[in-house]
Amino acid sequence: MTEVLALCDRLFPAGHDIAADAGDPRLVRGTGISAPGRVAVIGTRDGAAIGVDLALALAAEVLRVVENHPQRPILMLVDTQGQQLSRRDELLGNAGYLAHLAHCFELARARGHLLLSLVYGEAVSGGFLSLGMIADRCYALADAQIRVMALPAMARITRIAIDDLQALCRTSAIFGPGVDNYQRLGAIDEVWDADLAAHLARALQLPAGGDARARLGAARGGRIHAGPVIAAMLSAP
């Protein structure tokens, strides 16, 4: 928890009450004071794997904020190794619980809550999708670790030699893990360093709405076909 508190001290030098949840210490929650106003904080720590129990706890916290603090911005602090890989969670339909969590964030957005996420640890696969990429804008610290799948696992599944995958990573952000590649893809809006409170204050004052990832990916040269394909589909009769 020390790492999370140090991060929150930098994000909210004016004060915060962010702490680990008593019921599930992998869940962190609370309120921080930023220059534009109060911010609800919901997230995970210690590379938490998100299974059915943690997904429900996170979703309940989102709904609590929606009910008790209308239109308060929500900052997701992301440190997750992805979905919980256990027989129990898979048999219970963990994908559905992750979808429920994403739906709760979408409800918050529809009710006027600005959604921001900050990857400060790990961000992997399905855990990152439902707690992170669901945000209006996703940010990351420079030393964060972001990936959908480790290259050795990708090599086993695709049957592409790992040396070839590593070569592809050098020329295509789509194949590569890491903050830089995800920023090139447009999935990470901006990398934060130094004055985190100032970065957060600026992000809170940007207008909500719209998914700029395809546009950013094209402008940064990491995802050049998504924008034109989306435009062609939207303009089709």
Protein backbone atom coordinates (compact mmCIF):
# COMPACT_ATOMS: atom_id res chain seq x y z
CA MET A 1 0.00 0.00 0.00
CA THR A 2 3.00 2.27 0.47
CA GLU A 3 3.45 2.66 -3.29
CA VAL A 4 -0.20 3.62 -3.77
CA LEU A 5 -0.13 6.18 -0.97
CA ALA A 6 3.05 7.73 -2.35
CA LEU A 7 1.40 7.97 -5.77
CA CYS A 8 -1.75 9.54 -4.30
CA ASP A 9 0.34 12.05 -2.34
CA ARG A 10 1.79 13.20 -5.66
CA LEU A 11 -1.59 13.25 -7.41
CA PHE A 12 -3.38 15.02 -4.55
CA PRO A 13 -0.94 17.22 -2.59
CA ALA A 14 -3.96 19.12 -1.21
CA GLY A 15 -5.10 15.93 0.53
CA HIS A 16 -6.83 12.58 0.08
CA ASP A 17 -8.33 9.73 2.12
CA ILE A 18 -7.47 6.89 -0.28
CA ALA A 19 -6.96 3.53 1.42
CA ALA A 20 -7.24 -0.20 0.86
CA ASP A 21 -10.75 -1.57 1.21
CA ALA A 22 -11.38 -3.40 4.48
CA GLY A 23 -13.20 -6.24 2.73
CA ASP A 24 -10.70 -6.74 -0.09
CA PRO A 25 -7.31 -5.08 0.37
CA ARG A 26 -6.55 -5.47 -3.35
CA LEU A 27 -9.15 -2.73 -3.94
CA VAL A 28 -8.19 0.88 -3.25
CA ARG A 29 -10.76 3.64 -2.99
CA GLY A 30 -11.36 7.09 -1.60
CA THR A 31 -11.43 10.75 -2.53
CA GLY A 32 -8.67 13.11 -3.56
CA ILE A 33 -8.65 16.90 -3.75
CA SER A 34 -7.38 18.29 -7.06
CA ALA A 35 -7.25 21.91 -8.17
CA PRO A 36 -10.52 21.59 -10.17
CA GLY A 37 -12.30 19.82 -7.28
CA ARG A 38 -12.85 16.45 -5.61
CA VAL A 39 -12.09 13.24 -7.46
CA ALA A 40 -13.34 9.73 -6.70
CA VAL A 41 -10.54 7.16 -6.84
CA ILE A 42 -11.14 3.48 -7.58
CA GLY A 43 -8.40 1.00 -8.40
CA THR A 44 -6.27 -2.01 -7.64
CA ARG A 45 -2.82 -2.62 -6.20
CA ASP A 46 -0.07 -5.23 -6.06
CA GLY A 47 -0.78 -6.44 -9.60
CA ALA A 48 -4.16 -7.78 -8.52
CA ALA A 49 -5.78 -10.40 -10.73
CA ILE A 50 -9.42 -9.47 -11.28
CA GLY A 51 -11.74 -12.39 -10.61
CA VAL A 52 -15.44 -12.47 -9.89
CA ASP A 53 -15.11 -11.22 -6.29
CA LEU A 54 -12.85 -8.27 -7.06
CA ALA A 55 -14.85 -7.35 -10.17
CA LEU A 56 -18.04 -7.20 -8.09
CA ALA A 57 -16.33 -5.15 -5.38
CA LEU A 58 -14.99 -2.68 -7.96
CA ALA A 59 -18.40 -2.45 -9.64
CA ALA A 60 -20.11 -1.83 -6.29
CA GLU A 61 -17.72 1.03 -5.60
CA VAL A 62 -18.46 2.59 -8.99
CA LEU A 63 -22.20 2.41 -8.30
CA ARG A 64 -21.67 3.88 -4.83
CA VAL A 65 -19.92 6.89 -6.35
CA VAL A 66 -22.69 7.31 -8.95
CA GLU A 67 -25.35 7.21 -6.24
CA ASN A 68 -23.68 9.40 -3.63
CA HIS A 69 -21.53 11.81 -5.65
CA PRO A 70 -23.32 12.72 -8.91
CA GLN A 71 -21.03 13.72 -11.77
CA ARG A 72 -17.87 13.55 -9.64
CA PRO A 73 -14.88 12.64 -11.85
CA ILE A 74 -13.56 9.10 -11.35
CA LEU A 75 -9.87 8.26 -11.54
CA MET A 76 -9.03 4.56 -11.96
CA LEU A 77 -5.64 3.54 -10.59
CA VAL A 78 -4.56 0.51 -12.60
CA ASP A 79 -2.24 -2.22 -11.37
CA THR A 80 -3.56 -5.58 -12.56
CA GLN A 81 -2.04 -8.74 -14.01
CA GLY A 82 -5.33 -9.29 -15.88
CA GLN A 83 -8.23 -11.59 -15.23
CA GLN A 84 -8.01 -14.19 -12.48
CA LEU A 85 -6.84 -17.47 -14.04
CA SER A 86 -8.56 -19.99 -11.81
CA ARG A 87 -11.00 -22.82 -12.44
CA ARG A 88 -13.51 -21.34 -10.00
CA ASP A 89 -13.56 -17.93 -11.66
CA GLU A 90 -13.76 -19.39 -15.16
CA LEU A 91 -16.61 -21.73 -14.20
CA LEU A 92 -18.49 -18.79 -12.66
CA GLY A 93 -18.13 -16.88 -15.93
CA ASN A 94 -15.47 -14.31 -15.06
CA ALA A 95 -15.83 -12.60 -18.45
CA GLY A 96 -19.39 -11.69 -17.52
CA TYR A 97 -18.25 -10.10 -14.26
CA LEU A 98 -15.62 -8.07 -16.10
CA ALA A 99 -18.31 -6.99 -18.56
CA HIS A 100 -20.51 -5.99 -15.60
CA LEU A 101 -17.69 -3.83 -14.27
CA ALA A 102 -17.31 -2.17 -17.68
CA HIS A 103 -21.08 -1.59 -17.83
CA CYS A 104 -20.98 0.12 -14.43
CA PHE A 105 -18.29 2.50 -15.69
CA GLU A 106 -20.39 3.11 -18.82
CA LEU A 107 -23.37 3.92 -16.59
CA ALA A 108 -21.20 6.40 -14.71
CA ARG A 109 -20.17 8.02 -17.99
CA ALA A 110 -23.81 8.26 -19.09
CA ARG A 111 -24.63 9.95 -15.76
CA GLY A 112 -22.03 12.65 -16.38
CA HIS A 113 -18.94 11.28 -14.61
CA LEU A 114 -15.65 11.98 -16.39
CA LEU A 115 -13.63 8.74 -16.44
CA LEU A 116 -9.83 8.86 -16.33
CA SER A 117 -7.40 6.02 -15.76
CA LEU A 118 -3.74 5.98 -14.75
CA VAL A 119 -1.60 2.86 -15.19
CA TYR A 120 1.00 2.99 -12.44
CA GLY A 121 1.93 -0.70 -12.25
CA GLU A 122 0.88 -3.53 -14.54
CA ALA A 123 -1.96 -3.43 -17.05
CA VAL A 124 -2.67 -6.72 -18.75
CA SER A 125 -5.38 -8.11 -21.00
CA GLY A 126 -8.99 -8.32 -19.77
CA GLY A 127 -8.25 -6.62 -16.48
CA PHE A 128 -6.96 -3.58 -18.34
CA LEU A 129 -9.94 -3.53 -20.70
CA SER A 130 -12.53 -3.29 -17.92
CA LEU A 131 -10.43 -1.18 -15.53
CA GLY A 132 -8.47 1.27 -17.63
CA MET A 133 -9.26 1.29 -21.31
CA ILE A 134 -12.95 1.87 -20.53
CA ALA A 135 -11.98 5.41 -19.45
CA ASP A 136 -12.52 8.52 -21.55
CA ARG A 137 -8.75 8.97 -21.46
CA CYS A 138 -6.06 6.59 -20.31
CA TYR A 139 -2.70 7.75 -19.00
CA ALA A 140 0.38 5.92 -17.74
CA LEU A 141 3.55 6.44 -15.77
CA ALA A 142 6.70 5.96 -17.83
CA ASP A 143 7.76 2.84 -15.91
CA ALA A 144 4.37 1.10 -16.10
CA GLN A 145 4.12 -2.33 -17.74
CA ILE A 146 1.37 -2.70 -20.36
CA ARG A 147 0.68 -5.71 -22.54
CA VAL A 148 -2.09 -7.94 -23.82
CA MET A 149 0.09 -11.02 -23.97
CA ALA A 150 3.74 -11.76 -23.27
CA LEU A 151 5.75 -12.46 -26.42
CA PRO A 152 6.61 -16.09 -25.45
CA ALA A 153 2.89 -16.83 -25.04
CA MET A 154 2.11 -15.05 -28.29
CA ALA A 155 4.77 -17.15 -30.05
CA ARG A 156 3.22 -20.38 -28.74
CA ILE A 157 -0.29 -19.42 -29.83
CA THR A 158 0.51 -17.91 -33.23
CA ARG A 159 3.34 -20.39 -33.97
CA ILE A 160 5.46 -17.44 -35.05
CA ALA A 161 9.06 -17.70 -33.91
CA ILE A 162 9.78 -15.36 -31.02
CA ASP A 163 12.71 -13.83 -32.93
CA ASP A 164 10.31 -12.91 -35.73
CA LEU A 165 7.84 -11.41 -33.23
CA GLN A 166 10.62 -9.36 -31.67
CA ALA A 167 11.55 -8.10 -35.14
CA LEU A 168 7.91 -7.17 -35.80
CA CYS A 169 7.80 -5.28 -32.50
CA ARG A 170 10.59 -3.04 -33.71
CA THR A 171 8.53 -1.90 -36.70
CA SER A 172 4.91 -2.25 -35.55
CA ALA A 173 3.46 -0.99 -32.28
CA ILE A 174 0.58 -3.47 -32.65
CA PHE A 175 2.83 -6.38 -31.69
CA GLY A 176 4.88 -4.67 -29.01
CA PRO A 177 4.27 -4.45 -25.26
CA GLY A 178 5.17 -1.37 -23.25
CA VAL A 179 3.99 2.17 -22.62
CA ASP A 180 5.67 3.60 -25.74
CA ASN A 181 3.92 1.17 -28.07
CA TYR A 182 0.53 1.71 -26.44
CA GLN A 183 1.00 5.45 -26.71
CA ARG A 184 1.78 5.08 -30.43
CA LEU A 185 -1.39 3.02 -30.80
CA GLY A 186 -3.43 5.80 -29.19
CA ALA A 187 -4.48 3.58 -26.28
CA ILE A 188 -2.42 5.72 -23.89
CA ASP A 189 -3.30 9.38 -24.27
CA GLU A 190 -0.21 10.74 -22.53
CA VAL A 191 2.65 9.60 -20.31
CA TRP A 192 2.76 11.41 -16.97
CA ASP A 193 5.92 12.26 -15.04
CA ALA A 194 7.22 14.90 -12.63
CA ASP A 195 4.24 17.01 -11.50
CA LEU A 196 1.43 14.44 -11.42
CA ALA A 197 -0.97 16.87 -9.73
CA ALA A 198 -0.62 19.31 -12.65
CA HIS A 199 -1.14 16.52 -15.19
CA LEU A 200 -4.29 15.40 -13.38
CA ALA A 201 -5.66 18.93 -13.08
CA ARG A 202 -5.26 19.45 -16.84
CA ALA A 203 -6.90 16.11 -17.64
CA LEU A 204 -9.87 16.93 -15.40
CA GLN A 205 -10.51 20.13 -17.34
CA LEU A 206 -10.57 18.50 -20.78
CA PRO A 207 -14.05 17.96 -22.25
CA ALA A 208 -15.50 14.47 -21.98
CA GLY A 209 -16.84 12.45 -24.87
CA GLY A 210 -15.53 10.91 -28.05
CA ASP A 211 -13.09 8.07 -28.60
CA ALA A 212 -9.89 9.57 -30.00
CA ARG A 213 -7.82 6.37 -30.00
CA ALA A 214 -8.06 5.67 -33.72
CA ARG A 215 -7.22 9.28 -34.57
CA LEU A 216 -4.28 9.37 -32.16
CA GLY A 217 -3.01 6.02 -33.39
CA ALA A 218 -3.02 7.27 -36.97
CA ALA A 219 -1.33 10.56 -36.09
CA ARG A 220 1.38 8.74 -34.13
CA GLY A 221 1.95 6.13 -36.81
CA GLY A 222 1.10 3.15 -34.64
CA ARG A 223 -2.38 2.28 -35.86
CA ILE A 224 -2.75 3.63 -39.35
CA HIS A 225 -5.73 1.67 -40.72
CA ALA A 226 -8.31 1.89 -37.90
CA GLY A 227 -9.33 5.50 -38.61
CA PRO A 228 -9.98 5.08 -42.35
CA VAL A 229 -11.83 1.78 -41.80
CA ILE A 230 -14.09 3.34 -39.13
CA ALA A 231 -14.76 6.36 -41.37
CA ALA A 232 -15.62 4.11 -44.32
CA MET A 233 -18.01 2.04 -42.22
CA LEU A 234 -19.76 5.13 -40.80
CA SER A 235 -20.16 6.68 -44.27
CA ALA A 236 -21.47 3.51 -45.91
CA PRO A 237 -25.14 3.54 -46.96
